[in-house]
Amino acid sequence: MPICTECETALDFDEDEVDEGDVIVCDECGTEYEVVTTDPLEIAKVDEDYDDEDAEPADEEEE
């Protein structure tokens, strides 16, 4: 079972019930992890500063 990197608590979820892209939240500290792959299970901490708007290319500035 994966461990939270922030508080070292076991993340409580059924590994067979998650899909890629699902978000898992640590019950103890609230840190969010995204499921990167399911076989083998790999999770990555969600960047707190990440914003969907940041991922989109910037439009040309109007003059």
Protein backbone atom coordinates (compact mmCIF):
# COMPACT_ATOMS: atom_id res chain seq x y z
CA MET A 1 0.00 0.00 0.00
CA PRO A 2 1.42 3.43 -0.95
CA ILE A 3 2.53 5.81 1.78
CA CYS A 4 1.85 9.56 1.91
CA THR A 5 5.11 11.43 1.39
CA GLU A 6 3.93 14.29 3.59
CA CYS A 7 2.80 12.52 6.78
CA GLU A 8 3.97 8.92 6.17
CA THR A 9 0.46 7.51 6.63
CA ALA A 10 -0.68 4.56 4.51
CA LEU A 11 -3.04 5.75 1.78
CA ASP A 12 -6.32 3.94 2.31
CA PHE A 13 -7.79 2.91 -1.04
CA ASP A 14 -8.45 -0.27 -3.00
CA GLU A 15 -5.70 -0.50 -5.62
CA ASP A 16 -7.99 -2.61 -7.85
CA GLU A 17 -10.69 0.09 -7.86
CA VAL A 18 -8.67 3.05 -9.23
CA ASP A 19 -8.10 4.13 -12.82
CA GLU A 20 -5.44 6.32 -14.41
CA GLY A 21 -6.18 9.97 -13.69
CA ASP A 22 -8.07 9.30 -10.44
CA VAL A 23 -7.12 11.49 -7.48
CA ILE A 24 -6.47 9.94 -4.08
CA VAL A 25 -6.54 12.12 -0.97
CA CYS A 26 -4.62 11.26 2.19
CA ASP A 27 -7.13 10.88 5.03
CA GLU A 28 -4.62 12.22 7.54
CA CYS A 29 -3.21 15.40 5.95
CA GLY A 30 -5.27 15.97 2.79
CA THR A 31 -2.38 15.69 0.32
CA GLU A 32 -3.65 14.76 -3.15
CA TYR A 33 -2.09 12.13 -5.39
CA GLU A 34 -2.97 11.33 -9.00
CA VAL A 35 -2.89 7.77 -10.31
CA VAL A 36 -0.30 7.79 -13.12
CA THR A 37 -0.48 4.08 -14.01
CA THR A 38 -2.40 1.14 -12.60
CA ASP A 39 -0.14 -1.77 -13.59
CA PRO A 40 2.15 -1.36 -11.81
CA LEU A 41 0.45 1.17 -9.55
CA GLU A 42 2.21 4.51 -9.68
CA ILE A 43 0.97 7.70 -8.06
CA ALA A 44 2.30 11.26 -8.17
CA LYS A 45 1.70 14.11 -5.79
CA VAL A 46 -0.58 16.75 -7.30
CA ASP A 47 1.24 20.07 -7.52
CA GLU A 48 -0.65 22.60 -5.39
CA ASP A 49 0.31 25.44 -7.73
CA TYR A 50 -0.88 23.62 -10.84
CA ASP A 51 -3.80 25.26 -12.59
CA ASP A 52 -5.49 23.94 -15.74
CA GLU A 53 -5.13 27.40 -17.24
CA ASP A 54 -1.34 27.15 -16.85
CA ALA A 55 -1.30 24.10 -19.12
CA GLU A 56 -2.95 25.90 -22.03
CA PRO A 57 -0.77 27.83 -24.47
CA ALA A 58 -1.00 31.57 -24.02
CA ASP A 59 -2.86 33.51 -26.69
CA GLU A 60 -1.04 36.23 -28.53
CA GLU A 61 -1.28 39.49 -26.68
CA GLU A 62 -3.54 42.08 -28.23
CA GLU A 63 -1.90 45.39 -29.05
